[in-house]
Amino acid sequence: MKFLIVTYDIPSDKRRNKICNILKDYGTRVQYSVFECNLDDILTSKMILRLKEQCENHTDSIRIYQLCSNCQRKIKIIGMGKISEDEKFIIL
């Protein structure tokens, strides 16, 4: 699994909402234009493909940062919020 920070700056409200909705399928919104995602390679590729389909290269900016497990342990949060974790599932 990869721990990814996805940030975006999209001037168009319509495209910004589409980008946000895509990211909600893959991670947790931690700030207005910032998501944390725990994804395997396949889901990471699918997310990137969907984001590229919506991105206007001349006006939009989407950045994806991958943090190693050592870097994840060094994350500091000031104020409200917590570090996103994988949801735990029980299969019955």
PDB file of N, CA and C in Angstrom:
ATOM      1  N   MET A   1       0.841  -1.190   0.000  1.00  0.00           N
ATOM      2  CA  MET A   1       0.000   0.000   0.000  1.00  0.00           C
ATOM      3  C   MET A   1       0.883   1.249   0.000  1.00  0.00           C
ATOM      4  N   LYS A   2       0.396   2.252  -0.698  1.00  0.00           N
ATOM      5  CA  LYS A   2       1.090   3.536  -0.759  1.00  0.00           C
ATOM      6  C   LYS A   2       0.275   4.563   0.018  1.00  0.00           C
ATOM      7  N   PHE A   3       0.963   5.397   0.789  1.00  0.00           N
ATOM      8  CA  PHE A   3       0.302   6.514   1.454  1.00  0.00           C
ATOM      9  C   PHE A   3       0.546   7.736   0.586  1.00  0.00           C
ATOM     10  N   LEU A   4      -0.530   8.298   0.038  1.00  0.00           N
ATOM     11  CA  LEU A   4      -0.439   9.414  -0.891  1.00  0.00           C
ATOM     12  C   LEU A   4      -1.139  10.640  -0.327  1.00  0.00           C
ATOM     13  N   ILE A   5      -0.528  11.784  -0.545  1.00  0.00           N
ATOM     14  CA  ILE A   5      -1.165  13.074  -0.282  1.00  0.00           C
ATOM     15  C   ILE A   5      -1.491  13.660  -1.649  1.00  0.00           C
ATOM     16  N   VAL A   6      -2.761  13.977  -1.879  1.00  0.00           N
ATOM     17  CA  VAL A   6      -3.185  14.548  -3.158  1.00  0.00           C
ATOM     18  C   VAL A   6      -3.703  15.955  -2.886  1.00  0.00           C
ATOM     19  N   THR A   7      -3.130  16.926  -3.582  1.00  0.00           N
ATOM     20  CA  THR A   7      -3.565  18.314  -3.454  1.00  0.00           C
ATOM     21  C   THR A   7      -3.978  18.817  -4.830  1.00  0.00           C
ATOM     22  N   TYR A   8      -4.864  19.789  -4.838  1.00  0.00           N
ATOM     23  CA  TYR A   8      -5.292  20.318  -6.133  1.00  0.00           C
ATOM     24  C   TYR A   8      -5.650  21.788  -6.024  1.00  0.00           C
ATOM     25  N   ASP A   9      -5.461  22.485  -7.143  1.00  0.00           N
ATOM     26  CA  ASP A   9      -5.850  23.883  -7.298  1.00  0.00           C
ATOM     27  C   ASP A   9      -6.541  23.967  -8.657  1.00  0.00           C
ATOM     28  N   ILE A  10      -7.863  24.037  -8.626  1.00  0.00           N
ATOM     29  CA  ILE A  10      -8.682  23.990  -9.838  1.00  0.00           C
ATOM     30  C   ILE A  10      -9.577  25.237  -9.855  1.00  0.00           C
ATOM     31  N   PRO A  11      -9.386  26.156 -10.810  1.00  0.00           N
ATOM     32  CA  PRO A  11     -10.188  27.380 -10.828  1.00  0.00           C
ATOM     33  C   PRO A  11     -11.676  27.160 -11.125  1.00  0.00           C
ATOM     34  N   SER A  12     -11.992  26.176 -11.938  1.00  0.00           N
ATOM     35  CA  SER A  12     -13.380  25.933 -12.335  1.00  0.00           C
ATOM     36  C   SER A  12     -14.127  25.180 -11.237  1.00  0.00           C
ATOM     37  N   ASP A  13     -15.238  25.752 -10.765  1.00  0.00           N
ATOM     38  CA  ASP A  13     -16.041  25.086  -9.727  1.00  0.00           C
ATOM     39  C   ASP A  13     -16.512  23.708 -10.182  1.00  0.00           C
ATOM     40  N   LYS A  14     -16.954  23.615 -11.427  1.00  0.00           N
ATOM     41  CA  LYS A  14     -17.480  22.347 -11.943  1.00  0.00           C
ATOM     42  C   LYS A  14     -16.398  21.263 -11.957  1.00  0.00           C
ATOM     43  N   ARG A  15     -15.210  21.599 -12.491  1.00  0.00           N
ATOM     44  CA  ARG A  15     -14.125  20.619 -12.530  1.00  0.00           C
ATOM     45  C   ARG A  15     -13.601  20.317 -11.132  1.00  0.00           C
ATOM     46  N   ARG A  16     -13.537  21.339 -10.275  1.00  0.00           N
ATOM     47  CA  ARG A  16     -13.075  21.133  -8.899  1.00  0.00           C
ATOM     48  C   ARG A  16     -13.988  20.150  -8.178  1.00  0.00           C
ATOM     49  N   ASN A  17     -15.294  20.264  -8.371  1.00  0.00           N
ATOM     50  CA  ASN A  17     -16.233  19.328  -7.753  1.00  0.00           C
ATOM     51  C   ASN A  17     -16.052  17.917  -8.300  1.00  0.00           C
ATOM     52  N   LYS A  18     -15.791  17.802  -9.604  1.00  0.00           N
ATOM     53  CA  LYS A  18     -15.548  16.475 -10.193  1.00  0.00           C
ATOM     54  C   LYS A  18     -14.284  15.848  -9.607  1.00  0.00           C
ATOM     55  N   ILE A  19     -13.227  16.648  -9.486  1.00  0.00           N
ATOM     56  CA  ILE A  19     -11.970  16.153  -8.914  1.00  0.00           C
ATOM     57  C   ILE A  19     -12.199  15.711  -7.471  1.00  0.00           C
ATOM     58  N   CYS A  20     -12.904  16.510  -6.717  1.00  0.00           N
ATOM     59  CA  CYS A  20     -13.201  16.179  -5.322  1.00  0.00           C
ATOM     60  C   CYS A  20     -13.977  14.867  -5.230  1.00  0.00           C
ATOM     61  N   ASN A  21     -14.967  14.700  -6.064  1.00  0.00           N
ATOM     62  CA  ASN A  21     -15.771  13.472  -6.039  1.00  0.00           C
ATOM     63  C   ASN A  21     -14.945  12.243  -6.425  1.00  0.00           C
ATOM     64  N   ILE A  22     -14.039  12.408  -7.369  1.00  0.00           N
ATOM     65  CA  ILE A  22     -13.145  11.300  -7.719  1.00  0.00           C
ATOM     66  C   ILE A  22     -12.297  10.927  -6.507  1.00  0.00           C
ATOM     67  N   LEU A  23     -11.706  11.924  -5.868  1.00  0.00           N
ATOM     68  CA  LEU A  23     -10.818  11.652  -4.738  1.00  0.00           C
ATOM     69  C   LEU A  23     -11.555  11.044  -3.551  1.00  0.00           C
ATOM     70  N   LYS A  24     -12.829  11.371  -3.395  1.00  0.00           N
ATOM     71  CA  LYS A  24     -13.617  10.755  -2.319  1.00  0.00           C
ATOM     72  C   LYS A  24     -13.736   9.247  -2.509  1.00  0.00           C
ATOM     73  N   ASP A  25     -13.610   8.781  -3.753  1.00  0.00           N
ATOM     74  CA  ASP A  25     -13.648   7.340  -4.029  1.00  0.00           C
ATOM     75  C   ASP A  25     -12.374   6.631  -3.578  1.00  0.00           C
ATOM     76  N   TYR A  26     -11.310   7.396  -3.326  1.00  0.00           N
ATOM     77  CA  TYR A  26     -10.009   6.788  -3.059  1.00  0.00           C
ATOM     78  C   TYR A  26      -9.396   7.155  -1.707  1.00  0.00           C
ATOM     79  N   GLY A  27      -9.893   8.199  -1.075  1.00  0.00           N
ATOM     80  CA  GLY A  27      -9.242   8.614   0.159  1.00  0.00           C
ATOM     81  C   GLY A  27     -10.132   9.453   1.049  1.00  0.00           C
ATOM     82  N   THR A  28      -9.481  10.105   2.008  1.00  0.00           N
ATOM     83  CA  THR A  28     -10.163  10.911   3.015  1.00  0.00           C
ATOM     84  C   THR A  28      -9.776  12.367   2.837  1.00  0.00           C
ATOM     85  N   ARG A  29     -10.780  13.229   2.806  1.00  0.00           N
ATOM     86  CA  ARG A  29     -10.518  14.658   2.705  1.00  0.00           C
ATOM     87  C   ARG A  29     -10.039  15.147   4.072  1.00  0.00           C
ATOM     88  N   VAL A  30      -8.851  15.763   4.100  1.00  0.00           N
ATOM     89  CA  VAL A  30      -8.302  16.246   5.363  1.00  0.00           C
ATOM     90  C   VAL A  30      -8.253  17.769   5.428  1.00  0.00           C
ATOM     91  N   GLN A  31      -8.302  18.420   4.286  1.00  0.00           N
ATOM     92  CA  GLN A  31      -8.440  19.866   4.193  1.00  0.00           C
ATOM     93  C   GLN A  31      -9.210  20.162   2.918  1.00  0.00           C
ATOM     94  N   TYR A  32      -9.512  21.429   2.679  1.00  0.00           N
ATOM     95  CA  TYR A  32     -10.387  21.775   1.565  1.00  0.00           C
ATOM     96  C   TYR A  32      -9.922  21.170   0.241  1.00  0.00           C
ATOM     97  N   SER A  33      -8.650  21.263  -0.073  1.00  0.00           N
ATOM     98  CA  SER A  33      -8.136  20.741  -1.349  1.00  0.00           C
ATOM     99  C   SER A  33      -7.039  19.710  -1.136  1.00  0.00           C
ATOM    100  N   VAL A  34      -7.153  18.937  -0.052  1.00  0.00           N
ATOM    101  CA  VAL A  34      -6.128  17.944   0.285  1.00  0.00           C
ATOM    102  C   VAL A  34      -6.793  16.635   0.704  1.00  0.00           C
ATOM    103  N   PHE A  35      -6.333  15.543   0.100  1.00  0.00           N
ATOM    104  CA  PHE A  35      -6.814  14.202   0.448  1.00  0.00           C
ATOM    105  C   PHE A  35      -5.638  13.327   0.845  1.00  0.00           C
ATOM    106  N   GLU A  36      -5.887  12.395   1.777  1.00  0.00           N
ATOM    107  CA  GLU A  36      -4.933  11.346   2.113  1.00  0.00           C
ATOM    108  C   GLU A  36      -5.504  10.033   1.598  1.00  0.00           C
ATOM    109  N   CYS A  37      -4.662   9.245   0.925  1.00  0.00           N
ATOM    110  CA  CYS A  37      -5.112   7.987   0.324  1.00  0.00           C
ATOM    111  C   CYS A  37      -4.131   6.869   0.653  1.00  0.00           C
ATOM    112  N   ASN A  38      -4.652   5.707   0.992  1.00  0.00           N
ATOM    113  CA  ASN A  38      -3.863   4.481   1.145  1.00  0.00           C
ATOM    114  C   ASN A  38      -4.284   3.541   0.021  1.00  0.00           C
ATOM    115  N   LEU A  39      -3.439   3.417  -1.005  1.00  0.00           N
ATOM    116  CA  LEU A  39      -3.833   2.683  -2.206  1.00  0.00           C
ATOM    117  C   LEU A  39      -2.749   1.716  -2.655  1.00  0.00           C
ATOM    118  N   ASP A  40      -3.180   0.638  -3.285  1.00  0.00           N
ATOM    119  CA  ASP A  40      -2.222  -0.251  -3.941  1.00  0.00           C
ATOM    120  C   ASP A  40      -1.918   0.323  -5.330  1.00  0.00           C
ATOM    121  N   ASP A  41      -1.023  -0.341  -6.054  1.00  0.00           N
ATOM    122  CA  ASP A  41      -0.601   0.167  -7.369  1.00  0.00           C
ATOM    123  C   ASP A  41      -1.753   0.268  -8.359  1.00  0.00           C
ATOM    124  N   ILE A  42      -2.641  -0.711  -8.350  1.00  0.00           N
ATOM    125  CA  ILE A  42      -3.754  -0.723  -9.304  1.00  0.00           C
ATOM    126  C   ILE A  42      -4.703   0.442  -9.044  1.00  0.00           C
ATOM    127  N   LEU A  43      -5.083   0.639  -7.777  1.00  0.00           N
ATOM    128  CA  LEU A  43      -5.990   1.746  -7.459  1.00  0.00           C
ATOM    129  C   LEU A  43      -5.326   3.097  -7.686  1.00  0.00           C
ATOM    130  N   THR A  44      -4.026   3.183  -7.408  1.00  0.00           N
ATOM    131  CA  THR A  44      -3.302   4.431  -7.674  1.00  0.00           C
ATOM    132  C   THR A  44      -3.365   4.764  -9.160  1.00  0.00           C
ATOM    133  N   SER A  45      -3.126   3.788 -10.001  1.00  0.00           N
ATOM    134  CA  SER A  45      -3.178   4.005 -11.456  1.00  0.00           C
ATOM    135  C   SER A  45      -4.571   4.411 -11.913  1.00  0.00           C
ATOM    136  N   LYS A  46      -5.599   3.753 -11.379  1.00  0.00           N
ATOM    137  CA  LYS A  46      -6.976   4.100 -11.741  1.00  0.00           C
ATOM    138  C   LYS A  46      -7.307   5.524 -11.323  1.00  0.00           C
ATOM    139  N   MET A  47      -6.901   5.913 -10.099  1.00  0.00           N
ATOM    140  CA  MET A  47      -7.167   7.263  -9.622  1.00  0.00           C
ATOM    141  C   MET A  47      -6.481   8.286 -10.521  1.00  0.00           C
ATOM    142  N   ILE A  48      -5.216   8.058 -10.835  1.00  0.00           N
ATOM    143  CA  ILE A  48      -4.468   8.998 -11.677  1.00  0.00           C
ATOM    144  C   ILE A  48      -5.111   9.121 -13.054  1.00  0.00           C
ATOM    145  N   LEU A  49      -5.524   8.018 -13.635  1.00  0.00           N
ATOM    146  CA  LEU A  49      -6.188   8.049 -14.938  1.00  0.00           C
ATOM    147  C   LEU A  49      -7.463   8.889 -14.881  1.00  0.00           C
ATOM    148  N   ARG A  50      -8.276   8.676 -13.856  1.00  0.00           N
ATOM    149  CA  ARG A  50      -9.520   9.446 -13.727  1.00  0.00           C
ATOM    150  C   ARG A  50      -9.232  10.931 -13.520  1.00  0.00           C
ATOM    151  N   LEU A  51      -8.206  11.254 -12.736  1.00  0.00           N
ATOM    152  CA  LEU A  51      -7.854  12.658 -12.515  1.00  0.00           C
ATOM    153  C   LEU A  51      -7.364  13.303 -13.809  1.00  0.00           C
ATOM    154  N   LYS A  52      -6.538  12.591 -14.559  1.00  0.00           N
ATOM    155  CA  LYS A  52      -6.032  13.122 -15.835  1.00  0.00           C
ATOM    156  C   LYS A  52      -7.159  13.406 -16.813  1.00  0.00           C
ATOM    157  N   GLU A  53      -8.193  12.582 -16.797  1.00  0.00           N
ATOM    158  CA  GLU A  53      -9.329  12.784 -17.700  1.00  0.00           C
ATOM    159  C   GLU A  53     -10.066  14.089 -17.403  1.00  0.00           C
ATOM    160  N   GLN A  54     -10.016  14.564 -16.177  1.00  0.00           N
ATOM    161  CA  GLN A  54     -10.736  15.780 -15.790  1.00  0.00           C
ATOM    162  C   GLN A  54      -9.851  17.026 -15.781  1.00  0.00           C
ATOM    163  N   CYS A  55      -8.553  16.850 -15.733  1.00  0.00           N
ATOM    164  CA  CYS A  55      -7.620  17.965 -15.549  1.00  0.00           C
ATOM    165  C   CYS A  55      -7.407  18.742 -16.849  1.00  0.00           C
ATOM    166  N   GLU A  56      -7.498  20.054 -16.751  1.00  0.00           N
ATOM    167  CA  GLU A  56      -7.138  20.953 -17.857  1.00  0.00           C
ATOM    168  C   GLU A  56      -5.699  21.395 -17.598  1.00  0.00           C
ATOM    169  N   ASN A  57      -4.769  20.888 -18.391  1.00  0.00           N
ATOM    170  CA  ASN A  57      -3.347  21.095 -18.118  1.00  0.00           C
ATOM    171  C   ASN A  57      -2.913  22.554 -18.096  1.00  0.00           C
ATOM    172  N   HIS A  58      -3.591  23.412 -18.817  1.00  0.00           N
ATOM    173  CA  HIS A  58      -3.172  24.811 -18.890  1.00  0.00           C
ATOM    174  C   HIS A  58      -3.717  25.663 -17.737  1.00  0.00           C
ATOM    175  N   THR A  59      -4.667  25.156 -16.942  1.00  0.00           N
ATOM    176  CA  THR A  59      -5.217  25.951 -15.836  1.00  0.00           C
ATOM    177  C   THR A  59      -5.205  25.230 -14.492  1.00  0.00           C
ATOM    178  N   ASP A  60      -5.223  23.906 -14.499  1.00  0.00           N
ATOM    179  CA  ASP A  60      -5.382  23.132 -13.262  1.00  0.00           C
ATOM    180  C   ASP A  60      -4.048  22.587 -12.764  1.00  0.00           C
ATOM    181  N   SER A  61      -3.997  22.349 -11.462  1.00  0.00           N
ATOM    182  CA  SER A  61      -2.817  21.740 -10.855  1.00  0.00           C
ATOM    183  C   SER A  61      -3.263  20.664  -9.871  1.00  0.00           C
ATOM    184  N   ILE A  62      -2.787  19.446 -10.088  1.00  0.00           N
ATOM    185  CA  ILE A  62      -3.019  18.342  -9.157  1.00  0.00           C
ATOM    186  C   ILE A  62      -1.646  17.778  -8.822  1.00  0.00           C
ATOM    187  N   ARG A  63      -1.351  17.673  -7.532  1.00  0.00           N
ATOM    188  CA  ARG A  63      -0.060  17.138  -7.090  1.00  0.00           C
ATOM    189  C   ARG A  63      -0.298  15.915  -6.227  1.00  0.00           C
ATOM    190  N   ILE A  64       0.517  14.890  -6.456  1.00  0.00           N
ATOM    191  CA  ILE A  64       0.415  13.648  -5.691  1.00  0.00           C
ATOM    192  C   ILE A  64       1.781  13.380  -5.074  1.00  0.00           C
ATOM    193  N   TYR A  65       1.814  13.323  -3.749  1.00  0.00           N
ATOM    194  CA  TYR A  65       3.047  13.054  -3.014  1.00  0.00           C
ATOM    195  C   TYR A  65       2.935  11.685  -2.362  1.00  0.00           C
ATOM    196  N   GLN A  66       3.922  10.835  -2.582  1.00  0.00           N
ATOM    197  CA  GLN A  66       3.948   9.525  -1.933  1.00  0.00           C
ATOM    198  C   GLN A  66       4.888   9.600  -0.738  1.00  0.00           C
ATOM    199  N   LEU A  67       4.380   9.215   0.438  1.00  0.00           N
ATOM    200  CA  LEU A  67       5.183   9.218   1.651  1.00  0.00           C
ATOM    201  C   LEU A  67       5.552   7.792   2.038  1.00  0.00           C
ATOM    202  N   CYS A  68       6.814   7.584   2.353  1.00  0.00           N
ATOM    203  CA  CYS A  68       7.249   6.269   2.823  1.00  0.00           C
ATOM    204  C   CYS A  68       6.737   6.073   4.256  1.00  0.00           C
ATOM    205  N   SER A  69       6.788   4.841   4.742  1.00  0.00           N
ATOM    206  CA  SER A  69       6.271   4.558   6.086  1.00  0.00           C
ATOM    207  C   SER A  69       7.056   5.316   7.148  1.00  0.00           C
ATOM    208  N   ASN A  70       8.345   5.517   6.931  1.00  0.00           N
ATOM    209  CA  ASN A  70       9.143   6.285   7.879  1.00  0.00           C
ATOM    210  C   ASN A  70       8.678   7.742   7.921  1.00  0.00           C
ATOM    211  N   CYS A  71       8.383   8.307   6.758  1.00  0.00           N
ATOM    212  CA  CYS A  71       7.890   9.690   6.690  1.00  0.00           C
ATOM    213  C   CYS A  71       6.505   9.816   7.316  1.00  0.00           C
ATOM    214  N   GLN A  72       5.673   8.802   7.129  1.00  0.00           N
ATOM    215  CA  GLN A  72       4.331   8.824   7.710  1.00  0.00           C
ATOM    216  C   GLN A  72       4.396   8.962   9.226  1.00  0.00           C
ATOM    217  N   ARG A  73       5.345   8.279   9.853  1.00  0.00           N
ATOM    218  CA  ARG A  73       5.470   8.346  11.314  1.00  0.00           C
ATOM    219  C   ARG A  73       5.887   9.733  11.788  1.00  0.00           C
ATOM    220  N   LYS A  74       6.426  10.539  10.892  1.00  0.00           N
ATOM    221  CA  LYS A  74       6.907  11.873  11.258  1.00  0.00           C
ATOM    222  C   LYS A  74       5.875  12.969  11.006  1.00  0.00           C
ATOM    223  N   ILE A  75       4.707  12.607  10.529  1.00  0.00           N
ATOM    224  CA  ILE A  75       3.670  13.604  10.265  1.00  0.00           C
ATOM    225  C   ILE A  75       3.240  14.243  11.581  1.00  0.00           C
ATOM    226  N   LYS A  76       3.175  15.548  11.594  1.00  0.00           N
ATOM    227  CA  LYS A  76       2.717  16.308  12.761  1.00  0.00           C
ATOM    228  C   LYS A  76       1.433  17.030  12.383  1.00  0.00           C
ATOM    229  N   ILE A  77       0.471  16.995  13.278  1.00  0.00           N
ATOM    230  CA  ILE A  77      -0.789  17.702  13.057  1.00  0.00           C
ATOM    231  C   ILE A  77      -0.943  18.734  14.162  1.00  0.00           C
ATOM    232  N   ILE A  78      -1.205  19.952  13.770  1.00  0.00           N
ATOM    233  CA  ILE A  78      -1.464  21.031  14.722  1.00  0.00           C
ATOM    234  C   ILE A  78      -2.921  21.413  14.559  1.00  0.00           C
ATOM    235  N   GLY A  79      -3.661  21.396  15.644  1.00  0.00           N
ATOM    236  CA  GLY A  79      -5.088  21.682  15.568  1.00  0.00           C
ATOM    237  C   GLY A  79      -5.873  20.400  15.375  1.00  0.00           C
ATOM    238  N   MET A  80      -7.080  20.544  14.846  1.00  0.00           N
ATOM    239  CA  MET A  80      -7.956  19.381  14.721  1.00  0.00           C
ATOM    240  C   MET A  80      -7.548  18.484  13.562  1.00  0.00           C
ATOM    241  N   GLY A  81      -7.963  17.247  13.647  1.00  0.00           N
ATOM    242  CA  GLY A  81      -7.687  16.295  12.581  1.00  0.00           C
ATOM    243  C   GLY A  81      -6.846  15.141  13.077  1.00  0.00           C
ATOM    244  N   LYS A  82      -6.795  14.102  12.250  1.00  0.00           N
ATOM    245  CA  LYS A  82      -5.967  12.938  12.555  1.00  0.00           C
ATOM    246  C   LYS A  82      -5.460  12.359  11.250  1.00  0.00           C
ATOM    247  N   ILE A  83      -4.441  11.554  11.334  1.00  0.00           N
ATOM    248  CA  ILE A  83      -3.878  10.916  10.152  1.00  0.00           C
ATOM    249  C   ILE A  83      -4.831   9.826   9.696  1.00  0.00           C
ATOM    250  N   SER A  84      -5.113   9.802   8.411  1.00  0.00           N
ATOM    251  CA  SER A  84      -6.021   8.799   7.851  1.00  0.00           C
ATOM    252  C   SER A  84      -5.387   7.423   7.939  1.00  0.00           C
ATOM    253  N   GLU A  85      -6.212   6.435   8.272  1.00  0.00           N
ATOM    254  CA  GLU A  85      -5.750   5.053   8.324  1.00  0.00           C
ATOM    255  C   GLU A  85      -6.660   4.217   7.450  1.00  0.00           C
ATOM    256  N   ASP A  86      -6.166   3.048   7.065  1.00  0.00           N
ATOM    257  CA  ASP A  86      -7.008   2.113   6.330  1.00  0.00           C
ATOM    258  C   ASP A  86      -8.189   1.730   7.192  1.00  0.00           C
ATOM    259  N   GLU A  87      -9.356   1.653   6.569  1.00  0.00           N
ATOM    260  CA  GLU A  87     -10.517   1.149   7.289  1.00  0.00           C
ATOM    261  C   GLU A  87     -10.335  -0.343   7.505  1.00  0.00           C
ATOM    262  N   LYS A  88     -10.752  -0.804   8.672  1.00  0.00           N
ATOM    263  CA  LYS A  88     -10.651  -2.225   8.982  1.00  0.00           C
ATOM    264  C   LYS A  88     -11.968  -2.899   8.612  1.00  0.00           C
ATOM    265  N   PHE A  89     -11.880  -4.019   7.919  1.00  0.00           N
ATOM    266  CA  PHE A  89     -13.062  -4.747   7.490  1.00  0.00           C
ATOM    267  C   PHE A  89     -13.056  -6.138   8.088  1.00  0.00           C
ATOM    268  N   ILE A  90     -14.233  -6.618   8.409  1.00  0.00           N
ATOM    269  CA  ILE A  90     -14.397  -7.991   8.856  1.00  0.00           C
ATOM    270  C   ILE A  90     -15.289  -8.681   7.840  1.00  0.00           C
ATOM    271  N   ILE A  91     -14.807  -9.776   7.270  1.00  0.00           N
ATOM    272  CA  ILE A  91     -15.592 -10.527   6.294  1.00  0.00           C
ATOM    273  C   ILE A  91     -16.252 -11.679   7.022  1.00  0.00           C
ATOM    274  N   LEU A  92     -17.572 -11.738   6.945  1.00  0.00           N
ATOM    275  CA  LEU A  92     -18.330 -12.796   7.621  1.00  0.00           C
ATOM    276  C   LEU A  92     -18.723 -13.874   6.650  1.00  0.00           C
TER     277      LEU A  92
END
